[in-house]
Amino acid sequence: MTTEIIKNEDGLVVTLKGSLDTVASGQVTSELMSLLDNNIKNVTINCSEMDYIASSGLRLLLMVRKSCKANGGDVTLLDVQSNVMEVLTITHFDRMFNIK
């Protein structure tokens, strides 16, 4: 998993490439949560190159959403691949996140 995080005036733009499995989720959680502690309101996650999401990746999405909501913001998922979208739909995450 490769992660790119860019901070801009709207919050964070996170690009995830590869599989968001248990090992990768731990690494991404460490990177993101330290940034979210700085009152970041909005996070956009580019999923165009993320080909897999495990339950630990879903937990990461929930943690990011909780942090953003606490600061009055939200999380947007961009360009979700069909196999990842299937997992989001089955788990009803598609109802919790703004997906574009």
PDB file of N, CA and C in Angstrom:
ATOM      1  N   MET A   1       0.847  -1.169   0.000  1.00  0.00           N
ATOM      2  CA  MET A   1       0.000   0.000   0.000  1.00  0.00           C
ATOM      3  C   MET A   1       0.891   1.230   0.000  1.00  0.00           C
ATOM      4  N   THR A   2       0.569   2.125  -0.891  1.00  0.00           N
ATOM      5  CA  THR A   2       1.239   3.414  -0.954  1.00  0.00           C
ATOM      6  C   THR A   2       0.225   4.476  -0.568  1.00  0.00           C
ATOM      7  N   THR A   3       0.627   5.385   0.280  1.00  0.00           N
ATOM      8  CA  THR A   3      -0.257   6.444   0.746  1.00  0.00           C
ATOM      9  C   THR A   3       0.366   7.798   0.459  1.00  0.00           C
ATOM     10  N   GLU A   4      -0.442   8.682  -0.091  1.00  0.00           N
ATOM     11  CA  GLU A   4      -0.008  10.063  -0.299  1.00  0.00           C
ATOM     12  C   GLU A   4      -1.019  10.960   0.406  1.00  0.00           C
ATOM     13  N   ILE A   5      -0.536  11.831   1.265  1.00  0.00           N
ATOM     14  CA  ILE A   5      -1.414  12.727   2.017  1.00  0.00           C
ATOM     15  C   ILE A   5      -1.001  14.163   1.727  1.00  0.00           C
ATOM     16  N   ILE A   6      -1.970  14.943   1.275  1.00  0.00           N
ATOM     17  CA  ILE A   6      -1.725  16.350   0.978  1.00  0.00           C
ATOM     18  C   ILE A   6      -2.691  17.184   1.806  1.00  0.00           C
ATOM     19  N   LYS A   7      -2.149  18.149   2.511  1.00  0.00           N
ATOM     20  CA  LYS A   7      -2.980  19.066   3.292  1.00  0.00           C
ATOM     21  C   LYS A   7      -3.232  20.304   2.441  1.00  0.00           C
ATOM     22  N   ASN A   8      -4.511  20.713   2.361  1.00  0.00           N
ATOM     23  CA  ASN A   8      -4.858  21.936   1.650  1.00  0.00           C
ATOM     24  C   ASN A   8      -5.825  22.750   2.499  1.00  0.00           C
ATOM     25  N   GLU A   9      -6.354  23.822   1.941  1.00  0.00           N
ATOM     26  CA  GLU A   9      -7.224  24.717   2.721  1.00  0.00           C
ATOM     27  C   GLU A   9      -8.534  24.049   3.139  1.00  0.00           C
ATOM     28  N   ASP A  10      -8.946  22.995   2.428  1.00  0.00           N
ATOM     29  CA  ASP A  10     -10.192  22.297   2.750  1.00  0.00           C
ATOM     30  C   ASP A  10      -9.997  21.154   3.737  1.00  0.00           C
ATOM     31  N   GLY A  11      -8.778  20.735   3.975  1.00  0.00           N
ATOM     32  CA  GLY A  11      -8.506  19.609   4.857  1.00  0.00           C
ATOM     33  C   GLY A  11      -7.405  18.738   4.298  1.00  0.00           C
ATOM     34  N   LEU A  12      -7.673  17.445   4.198  1.00  0.00           N
ATOM     35  CA  LEU A  12      -6.684  16.500   3.687  1.00  0.00           C
ATOM     36  C   LEU A  12      -7.209  15.794   2.446  1.00  0.00           C
ATOM     37  N   VAL A  13      -6.304  15.548   1.514  1.00  0.00           N
ATOM     38  CA  VAL A  13      -6.582  14.693   0.365  1.00  0.00           C
ATOM     39  C   VAL A  13      -5.651  13.500   0.499  1.00  0.00           C
ATOM     40  N   VAL A  14      -6.244  12.318   0.615  1.00  0.00           N
ATOM     41  CA  VAL A  14      -5.487  11.094   0.831  1.00  0.00           C
ATOM     42  C   VAL A  14      -5.663  10.199  -0.394  1.00  0.00           C
ATOM     43  N   THR A  15      -4.556   9.782  -0.980  1.00  0.00           N
ATOM     44  CA  THR A  15      -4.599   8.843  -2.103  1.00  0.00           C
ATOM     45  C   THR A  15      -4.052   7.510  -1.621  1.00  0.00           C
ATOM     46  N   LEU A  16      -4.872   6.470  -1.783  1.00  0.00           N
ATOM     47  CA  LEU A  16      -4.496   5.121  -1.362  1.00  0.00           C
ATOM     48  C   LEU A  16      -4.297   4.257  -2.598  1.00  0.00           C
ATOM     49  N   LYS A  17      -3.137   3.615  -2.692  1.00  0.00           N
ATOM     50  CA  LYS A  17      -2.829   2.757  -3.842  1.00  0.00           C
ATOM     51  C   LYS A  17      -2.493   1.364  -3.334  1.00  0.00           C
ATOM     52  N   GLY A  18      -3.235   0.374  -3.822  1.00  0.00           N
ATOM     53  CA  GLY A  18      -2.980  -1.002  -3.430  1.00  0.00           C
ATOM     54  C   GLY A  18      -4.066  -1.542  -2.524  1.00  0.00           C
ATOM     55  N   SER A  19      -3.699  -2.461  -1.660  1.00  0.00           N
ATOM     56  CA  SER A  19      -4.645  -3.146  -0.779  1.00  0.00           C
ATOM     57  C   SER A  19      -4.633  -2.537   0.611  1.00  0.00           C
ATOM     58  N   LEU A  20      -5.808  -2.157   1.082  1.00  0.00           N
ATOM     59  CA  LEU A  20      -5.940  -1.634   2.444  1.00  0.00           C
ATOM     60  C   LEU A  20      -6.252  -2.826   3.355  1.00  0.00           C
ATOM     61  N   ASP A  21      -5.228  -3.637   3.581  1.00  0.00           N
ATOM     62  CA  ASP A  21      -5.357  -4.818   4.419  1.00  0.00           C
ATOM     63  C   ASP A  21      -4.952  -4.482   5.852  1.00  0.00           C
ATOM     64  N   THR A  22      -4.818  -5.487   6.683  1.00  0.00           N
ATOM     65  CA  THR A  22      -4.528  -5.271   8.101  1.00  0.00           C
ATOM     66  C   THR A  22      -3.212  -4.533   8.321  1.00  0.00           C
ATOM     67  N   VAL A  23      -2.160  -4.947   7.652  1.00  0.00           N
ATOM     68  CA  VAL A  23      -0.859  -4.307   7.820  1.00  0.00           C
ATOM     69  C   VAL A  23      -0.899  -2.865   7.327  1.00  0.00           C
ATOM     70  N   ALA A  24      -1.440  -2.664   6.141  1.00  0.00           N
ATOM     71  CA  ALA A  24      -1.505  -1.321   5.569  1.00  0.00           C
ATOM     72  C   ALA A  24      -2.401  -0.406   6.403  1.00  0.00           C
ATOM     73  N   SER A  25      -3.500  -0.937   6.911  1.00  0.00           N
ATOM     74  CA  SER A  25      -4.412  -0.127   7.733  1.00  0.00           C
ATOM     75  C   SER A  25      -3.716   0.425   8.961  1.00  0.00           C
ATOM     76  N   GLY A  26      -2.875  -0.391   9.585  1.00  0.00           N
ATOM     77  CA  GLY A  26      -2.126   0.062  10.753  1.00  0.00           C
ATOM     78  C   GLY A  26      -1.202   1.217  10.412  1.00  0.00           C
ATOM     79  N   GLN A  27      -0.520   1.097   9.280  1.00  0.00           N
ATOM     80  CA  GLN A  27       0.388   2.157   8.851  1.00  0.00           C
ATOM     81  C   GLN A  27      -0.366   3.433   8.505  1.00  0.00           C
ATOM     82  N   VAL A  28      -1.456   3.302   7.756  1.00  0.00           N
ATOM     83  CA  VAL A  28      -2.241   4.473   7.342  1.00  0.00           C
ATOM     84  C   VAL A  28      -2.898   5.121   8.560  1.00  0.00           C
ATOM     85  N   THR A  29      -3.359   4.298   9.493  1.00  0.00           N
ATOM     86  CA  THR A  29      -3.975   4.841  10.716  1.00  0.00           C
ATOM     87  C   THR A  29      -2.977   5.714  11.467  1.00  0.00           C
ATOM     88  N   SER A  30      -1.756   5.249  11.606  1.00  0.00           N
ATOM     89  CA  SER A  30      -0.724   6.034  12.299  1.00  0.00           C
ATOM     90  C   SER A  30      -0.493   7.372  11.616  1.00  0.00           C
ATOM     91  N   GLU A  31      -0.399   7.350  10.303  1.00  0.00           N
ATOM     92  CA  GLU A  31      -0.155   8.580   9.551  1.00  0.00           C
ATOM     93  C   GLU A  31      -1.333   9.547   9.654  1.00  0.00           C
ATOM     94  N   LEU A  32      -2.529   9.027   9.436  1.00  0.00           N
ATOM     95  CA  LEU A  32      -3.711   9.891   9.388  1.00  0.00           C
ATOM     96  C   LEU A  32      -4.135  10.427  10.747  1.00  0.00           C
ATOM     97  N   MET A  33      -4.162   9.578  11.748  1.00  0.00           N
ATOM     98  CA  MET A  33      -4.693  10.006  13.037  1.00  0.00           C
ATOM     99  C   MET A  33      -3.848  11.104  13.661  1.00  0.00           C
ATOM    100  N   SER A  34      -2.555  11.096  13.433  1.00  0.00           N
ATOM    101  CA  SER A  34      -1.725  12.181  13.969  1.00  0.00           C
ATOM    102  C   SER A  34      -2.076  13.502  13.290  1.00  0.00           C
ATOM    103  N   LEU A  35      -2.421  13.457  12.019  1.00  0.00           N
ATOM    104  CA  LEU A  35      -2.831  14.677  11.309  1.00  0.00           C
ATOM    105  C   LEU A  35      -4.237  15.111  11.718  1.00  0.00           C
ATOM    106  N   LEU A  36      -5.120  14.146  11.934  1.00  0.00           N
ATOM    107  CA  LEU A  36      -6.499  14.474  12.292  1.00  0.00           C
ATOM    108  C   LEU A  36      -6.600  15.083  13.680  1.00  0.00           C
ATOM    109  N   ASP A  37      -5.614  14.842  14.519  1.00  0.00           N
ATOM    110  CA  ASP A  37      -5.596  15.442  15.850  1.00  0.00           C
ATOM    111  C   ASP A  37      -5.460  16.961  15.797  1.00  0.00           C
ATOM    112  N   ASN A  38      -5.149  17.498  14.624  1.00  0.00           N
ATOM    113  CA  ASN A  38      -4.980  18.941  14.453  1.00  0.00           C
ATOM    114  C   ASN A  38      -6.256  19.616  13.969  1.00  0.00           C
ATOM    115  N   ASN A  39      -7.416  19.086  14.375  1.00  0.00           N
ATOM    116  CA  ASN A  39      -8.721  19.660  14.055  1.00  0.00           C
ATOM    117  C   ASN A  39      -9.022  19.752  12.562  1.00  0.00           C
ATOM    118  N   ILE A  40      -8.613  18.754  11.810  1.00  0.00           N
ATOM    119  CA  ILE A  40      -8.947  18.675  10.390  1.00  0.00           C
ATOM    120  C   ILE A  40     -10.436  18.377  10.263  1.00  0.00           C
ATOM    121  N   LYS A  41     -11.136  19.155   9.445  1.00  0.00           N
ATOM    122  CA  LYS A  41     -12.576  18.955   9.290  1.00  0.00           C
ATOM    123  C   LYS A  41     -12.919  18.001   8.158  1.00  0.00           C
ATOM    124  N   ASN A  42     -12.300  18.166   7.011  1.00  0.00           N
ATOM    125  CA  ASN A  42     -12.684  17.404   5.832  1.00  0.00           C
ATOM    126  C   ASN A  42     -11.532  16.563   5.308  1.00  0.00           C
ATOM    127  N   VAL A  43     -11.873  15.330   4.940  1.00  0.00           N
ATOM    128  CA  VAL A  43     -10.901  14.424   4.342  1.00  0.00           C
ATOM    129  C   VAL A  43     -11.510  13.864   3.067  1.00  0.00           C
ATOM    130  N   THR A  44     -10.767  13.961   1.993  1.00  0.00           N
ATOM    131  CA  THR A  44     -11.140  13.345   0.721  1.00  0.00           C
ATOM    132  C   THR A  44     -10.181  12.192   0.484  1.00  0.00           C
ATOM    133  N   ILE A  45     -10.732  11.011   0.258  1.00  0.00           N
ATOM    134  CA  ILE A  45      -9.906   9.831   0.036  1.00  0.00           C
ATOM    135  C   ILE A  45     -10.084   9.372  -1.407  1.00  0.00           C
ATOM    136  N   ASN A  46      -9.007   9.454  -2.167  1.00  0.00           N
ATOM    137  CA  ASN A  46      -9.004   9.004  -3.550  1.00  0.00           C
ATOM    138  C   ASN A  46      -8.777   7.490  -3.551  1.00  0.00           C
ATOM    139  N   CYS A  47      -9.791   6.756  -3.986  1.00  0.00           N
ATOM    140  CA  CYS A  47      -9.744   5.292  -3.960  1.00  0.00           C
ATOM    141  C   CYS A  47      -9.546   4.694  -5.353  1.00  0.00           C
ATOM    142  N   SER A  48      -9.185   5.498  -6.325  1.00  0.00           N
ATOM    143  CA  SER A  48      -9.111   5.028  -7.713  1.00  0.00           C
ATOM    144  C   SER A  48      -8.092   3.912  -7.909  1.00  0.00           C
ATOM    145  N   GLU A  49      -7.074   3.844  -7.046  1.00  0.00           N
ATOM    146  CA  GLU A  49      -6.053   2.799  -7.179  1.00  0.00           C
ATOM    147  C   GLU A  49      -6.030   1.855  -5.977  1.00  0.00           C
ATOM    148  N   MET A  50      -7.084   1.905  -5.167  1.00  0.00           N
ATOM    149  CA  MET A  50      -7.203   0.967  -4.052  1.00  0.00           C
ATOM    150  C   MET A  50      -7.994  -0.237  -4.550  1.00  0.00           C
ATOM    151  N   ASP A  51      -7.380  -1.407  -4.536  1.00  0.00           N
ATOM    152  CA  ASP A  51      -8.012  -2.579  -5.133  1.00  0.00           C
ATOM    153  C   ASP A  51      -8.630  -3.547  -4.129  1.00  0.00           C
ATOM    154  N   TYR A  52      -8.467  -3.289  -2.829  1.00  0.00           N
ATOM    155  CA  TYR A  52      -8.981  -4.205  -1.811  1.00  0.00           C
ATOM    156  C   TYR A  52      -9.117  -3.450  -0.501  1.00  0.00           C
ATOM    157  N   ILE A  53     -10.172  -3.791   0.266  1.00  0.00           N
ATOM    158  CA  ILE A  53     -10.317  -3.224   1.604  1.00  0.00           C
ATOM    159  C   ILE A  53     -10.730  -4.334   2.569  1.00  0.00           C
ATOM    160  N   ALA A  54      -9.986  -4.479   3.639  1.00  0.00           N
ATOM    161  CA  ALA A  54     -10.268  -5.464   4.686  1.00  0.00           C
ATOM    162  C   ALA A  54     -11.100  -4.799   5.787  1.00  0.00           C
ATOM    163  N   SER A  55     -11.538  -5.579   6.739  1.00  0.00           N
ATOM    164  CA  SER A  55     -12.327  -5.029   7.843  1.00  0.00           C
ATOM    165  C   SER A  55     -11.538  -3.974   8.620  1.00  0.00           C
ATOM    166  N   SER A  56     -10.233  -4.142   8.699  1.00  0.00           N
ATOM    167  CA  SER A  56      -9.410  -3.131   9.379  1.00  0.00           C
ATOM    168  C   SER A  56      -9.405  -1.818   8.587  1.00  0.00           C
ATOM    169  N   GLY A  57      -9.516  -1.901   7.275  1.00  0.00           N
ATOM    170  CA  GLY A  57      -9.628  -0.701   6.446  1.00  0.00           C
ATOM    171  C   GLY A  57     -10.965  -0.013   6.663  1.00  0.00           C
ATOM    172  N   LEU A  58     -12.021  -0.800   6.835  1.00  0.00           N
ATOM    173  CA  LEU A  58     -13.338  -0.233   7.138  1.00  0.00           C
ATOM    174  C   LEU A  58     -13.304   0.475   8.492  1.00  0.00           C
ATOM    175  N   ARG A  59     -12.624  -0.143   9.445  1.00  0.00           N
ATOM    176  CA  ARG A  59     -12.493   0.475  10.773  1.00  0.00           C
ATOM    177  C   ARG A  59     -11.747   1.810  10.670  1.00  0.00           C
ATOM    178  N   LEU A  60     -10.718   1.862   9.842  1.00  0.00           N
ATOM    179  CA  LEU A  60      -9.984   3.107   9.614  1.00  0.00           C
ATOM    180  C   LEU A  60     -10.916   4.184   9.053  1.00  0.00           C
ATOM    181  N   LEU A  61     -11.743   3.815   8.082  1.00  0.00           N
ATOM    182  CA  LEU A  61     -12.692   4.785   7.519  1.00  0.00           C
ATOM    183  C   LEU A  61     -13.626   5.330   8.596  1.00  0.00           C
ATOM    184  N   LEU A  62     -14.087   4.456   9.484  1.00  0.00           N
ATOM    185  CA  LEU A  62     -14.960   4.897  10.576  1.00  0.00           C
ATOM    186  C   LEU A  62     -14.250   5.854  11.525  1.00  0.00           C
ATOM    187  N   MET A  63     -12.990   5.572  11.821  1.00  0.00           N
ATOM    188  CA  MET A  63     -12.222   6.441  12.720  1.00  0.00           C
ATOM    189  C   MET A  63     -12.024   7.824  12.093  1.00  0.00           C
ATOM    190  N   VAL A  64     -11.720   7.849  10.807  1.00  0.00           N
ATOM    191  CA  VAL A  64     -11.539   9.123  10.114  1.00  0.00           C
ATOM    192  C   VAL A  64     -12.858   9.887  10.100  1.00  0.00           C
ATOM    193  N   ARG A  65     -13.950   9.190   9.810  1.00  0.00           N
ATOM    194  CA  ARG A  65     -15.272   9.828   9.781  1.00  0.00           C
ATOM    195  C   ARG A  65     -15.638  10.405  11.157  1.00  0.00           C
ATOM    196  N   LYS A  66     -15.388   9.642  12.200  1.00  0.00           N
ATOM    197  CA  LYS A  66     -15.708  10.096  13.559  1.00  0.00           C
ATOM    198  C   LYS A  66     -14.926  11.364  13.898  1.00  0.00           C
ATOM    199  N   SER A  67     -13.655  11.395  13.552  1.00  0.00           N
ATOM    200  CA  SER A  67     -12.825  12.557  13.818  1.00  0.00           C
ATOM    201  C   SER A  67     -13.312  13.781  13.042  1.00  0.00           C
ATOM    202  N   CYS A  68     -13.626  13.575  11.778  1.00  0.00           N
ATOM    203  CA  CYS A  68     -14.097  14.696  10.951  1.00  0.00           C
ATOM    204  C   CYS A  68     -15.443  15.216  11.446  1.00  0.00           C
ATOM    205  N   LYS A  69     -16.351  14.311  11.757  1.00  0.00           N
ATOM    206  CA  LYS A  69     -17.677  14.718  12.253  1.00  0.00           C
ATOM    207  C   LYS A  69     -17.546  15.499  13.565  1.00  0.00           C
ATOM    208  N   ALA A  70     -16.636  15.086  14.430  1.00  0.00           N
ATOM    209  CA  ALA A  70     -16.427  15.779  15.704  1.00  0.00           C
ATOM    210  C   ALA A  70     -15.953  17.217  15.486  1.00  0.00           C
ATOM    211  N   ASN A  71     -15.282  17.449  14.351  1.00  0.00           N
ATOM    212  CA  ASN A  71     -14.791  18.789  14.031  1.00  0.00           C
ATOM    213  C   ASN A  71     -15.724  19.551  13.092  1.00  0.00           C
ATOM    214  N   GLY A  72     -16.909  18.986  12.845  1.00  0.00           N
ATOM    215  CA  GLY A  72     -17.885  19.660  11.991  1.00  0.00           C
ATOM    216  C   GLY A  72     -17.674  19.440  10.508  1.00  0.00           C
ATOM    217  N   GLY A  73     -16.944  18.388  10.145  1.00  0.00           N
ATOM    218  CA  GLY A  73     -16.663  18.120   8.735  1.00  0.00           C
ATOM    219  C   GLY A  73     -17.188  16.775   8.288  1.00  0.00           C
ATOM    220  N   ASP A  74     -16.586  16.246   7.219  1.00  0.00           N
ATOM    221  CA  ASP A  74     -17.043  14.987   6.656  1.00  0.00           C
ATOM    222  C   ASP A  74     -15.932  14.332   5.839  1.00  0.00           C
ATOM    223  N   VAL A  75     -16.202  13.109   5.388  1.00  0.00           N
ATOM    224  CA  VAL A  75     -15.274  12.337   4.569  1.00  0.00           C
ATOM    225  C   VAL A  75     -15.927  12.066   3.219  1.00  0.00           C
ATOM    226  N   THR A  76     -15.172  12.257   2.148  1.00  0.00           N
ATOM    227  CA  THR A  76     -15.629  11.945   0.799  1.00  0.00           C
ATOM    228  C   THR A  76     -14.708  10.898   0.200  1.00  0.00           C
ATOM    229  N   LEU A  77     -15.309   9.870  -0.404  1.00  0.00           N
ATOM    230  CA  LEU A  77     -14.553   8.836  -1.094  1.00  0.00           C
ATOM    231  C   LEU A  77     -14.699   9.066  -2.595  1.00  0.00           C
ATOM    232  N   LEU A  78     -13.574   9.145  -3.300  1.00  0.00           N
ATOM    233  CA  LEU A  78     -13.580   9.407  -4.740  1.00  0.00           C
ATOM    234  C   LEU A  78     -13.195   8.170  -5.538  1.00  0.00           C
ATOM    235  N   ASP A  79     -13.830   7.995  -6.671  1.00  0.00           N
ATOM    236  CA  ASP A  79     -13.445   6.989  -7.661  1.00  0.00           C
ATOM    237  C   ASP A  79     -13.233   5.594  -7.070  1.00  0.00           C
ATOM    238  N   VAL A  80     -14.230   5.117  -6.355  1.00  0.00           N
ATOM    239  CA  VAL A  80     -14.141   3.805  -5.712  1.00  0.00           C
ATOM    240  C   VAL A  80     -14.286   2.706  -6.769  1.00  0.00           C
ATOM    241  N   GLN A  81     -13.341   1.776  -6.806  1.00  0.00           N
ATOM    242  CA  GLN A  81     -13.394   0.657  -7.741  1.00  0.00           C
ATOM    243  C   GLN A  81     -14.555  -0.276  -7.397  1.00  0.00           C
ATOM    244  N   SER A  82     -15.048  -0.989  -8.378  1.00  0.00           N
ATOM    245  CA  SER A  82     -16.256  -1.806  -8.211  1.00  0.00           C
ATOM    246  C   SER A  82     -16.127  -2.859  -7.111  1.00  0.00           C
ATOM    247  N   ASN A  83     -14.986  -3.522  -7.002  1.00  0.00           N
ATOM    248  CA  ASN A  83     -14.844  -4.560  -5.973  1.00  0.00           C
ATOM    249  C   ASN A  83     -14.822  -3.953  -4.564  1.00  0.00           C
ATOM    250  N   VAL A  84     -14.250  -2.781  -4.416  1.00  0.00           N
ATOM    251  CA  VAL A  84     -14.267  -2.089  -3.119  1.00  0.00           C
ATOM    252  C   VAL A  84     -15.673  -1.546  -2.851  1.00  0.00           C
ATOM    253  N   MET A  85     -16.335  -1.046  -3.888  1.00  0.00           N
ATOM    254  CA  MET A  85     -17.695  -0.527  -3.739  1.00  0.00           C
ATOM    255  C   MET A  85     -18.648  -1.628  -3.298  1.00  0.00           C
ATOM    256  N   GLU A  86     -18.421  -2.832  -3.774  1.00  0.00           N
ATOM    257  CA  GLU A  86     -19.250  -3.964  -3.366  1.00  0.00           C
ATOM    258  C   GLU A  86     -19.153  -4.195  -1.856  1.00  0.00           C
ATOM    259  N   VAL A  87     -17.941  -4.110  -1.304  1.00  0.00           N
ATOM    260  CA  VAL A  87     -17.749  -4.264   0.143  1.00  0.00           C
ATOM    261  C   VAL A  87     -18.436  -3.118   0.886  1.00  0.00           C
ATOM    262  N   LEU A  88     -18.292  -1.895   0.378  1.00  0.00           N
ATOM    263  CA  LEU A  88     -18.930  -0.741   1.021  1.00  0.00           C
ATOM    264  C   LEU A  88     -20.450  -0.873   1.003  1.00  0.00           C
ATOM    265  N   THR A  89     -20.992  -1.419  -0.068  1.00  0.00           N
ATOM    266  CA  THR A  89     -22.437  -1.591  -0.174  1.00  0.00           C
ATOM    267  C   THR A  89     -22.932  -2.686   0.767  1.00  0.00           C
ATOM    268  N   ILE A  90     -22.244  -3.819   0.797  1.00  0.00           N
ATOM    269  CA  ILE A  90     -22.645  -4.936   1.659  1.00  0.00           C
ATOM    270  C   ILE A  90     -22.628  -4.521   3.128  1.00  0.00           C
ATOM    271  N   THR A  91     -21.661  -3.707   3.508  1.00  0.00           N
ATOM    272  CA  THR A  91     -21.517  -3.282   4.905  1.00  0.00           C
ATOM    273  C   THR A  91     -22.298  -2.001   5.215  1.00  0.00           C
ATOM    274  N   HIS A  92     -22.994  -1.460   4.221  1.00  0.00           N
ATOM    275  CA  HIS A  92     -23.782  -0.228   4.328  1.00  0.00           C
ATOM    276  C   HIS A  92     -22.926   1.021   4.563  1.00  0.00           C
ATOM    277  N   PHE A  93     -21.642   0.913   4.296  1.00  0.00           N
ATOM    278  CA  PHE A  93     -20.777   2.091   4.385  1.00  0.00           C
ATOM    279  C   PHE A  93     -21.128   3.093   3.292  1.00  0.00           C
ATOM    280  N   ASP A  94     -21.736   2.613   2.223  1.00  0.00           N
ATOM    281  CA  ASP A  94     -22.137   3.514   1.146  1.00  0.00           C
ATOM    282  C   ASP A  94     -23.193   4.509   1.625  1.00  0.00           C
ATOM    283  N   ARG A  95     -23.854   4.210   2.722  1.00  0.00           N
ATOM    284  CA  ARG A  95     -24.865   5.113   3.294  1.00  0.00           C
ATOM    285  C   ARG A  95     -24.251   6.109   4.274  1.00  0.00           C
ATOM    286  N   MET A  96     -23.046   5.815   4.747  1.00  0.00           N
ATOM    287  CA  MET A  96     -22.397   6.675   5.740  1.00  0.00           C
ATOM    288  C   MET A  96     -21.442   7.692   5.135  1.00  0.00           C
ATOM    289  N   PHE A  97     -20.978   7.412   3.913  1.00  0.00           N
ATOM    290  CA  PHE A  97     -19.951   8.259   3.300  1.00  0.00           C
ATOM    291  C   PHE A  97     -20.475   8.913   2.038  1.00  0.00           C
ATOM    292  N   ASN A  98     -19.971  10.097   1.769  1.00  0.00           N
ATOM    293  CA  ASN A  98     -20.227  10.783   0.518  1.00  0.00           C
ATOM    294  C   ASN A  98     -19.307  10.138  -0.514  1.00  0.00           C
ATOM    295  N   ILE A  99     -19.899   9.460  -1.503  1.00  0.00           N
ATOM    296  CA  ILE A  99     -19.097   8.759  -2.504  1.00  0.00           C
ATOM    297  C   ILE A  99     -19.325   9.401  -3.859  1.00  0.00           C
ATOM    298  N   LYS A 100     -18.225   9.828  -4.471  1.00  0.00           N
ATOM    299  CA  LYS A 100     -18.311  10.478  -5.786  1.00  0.00           C
ATOM    300  C   LYS A 100     -17.516   9.689  -6.802  1.00  0.00           C
TER     301      LYS A 100
END
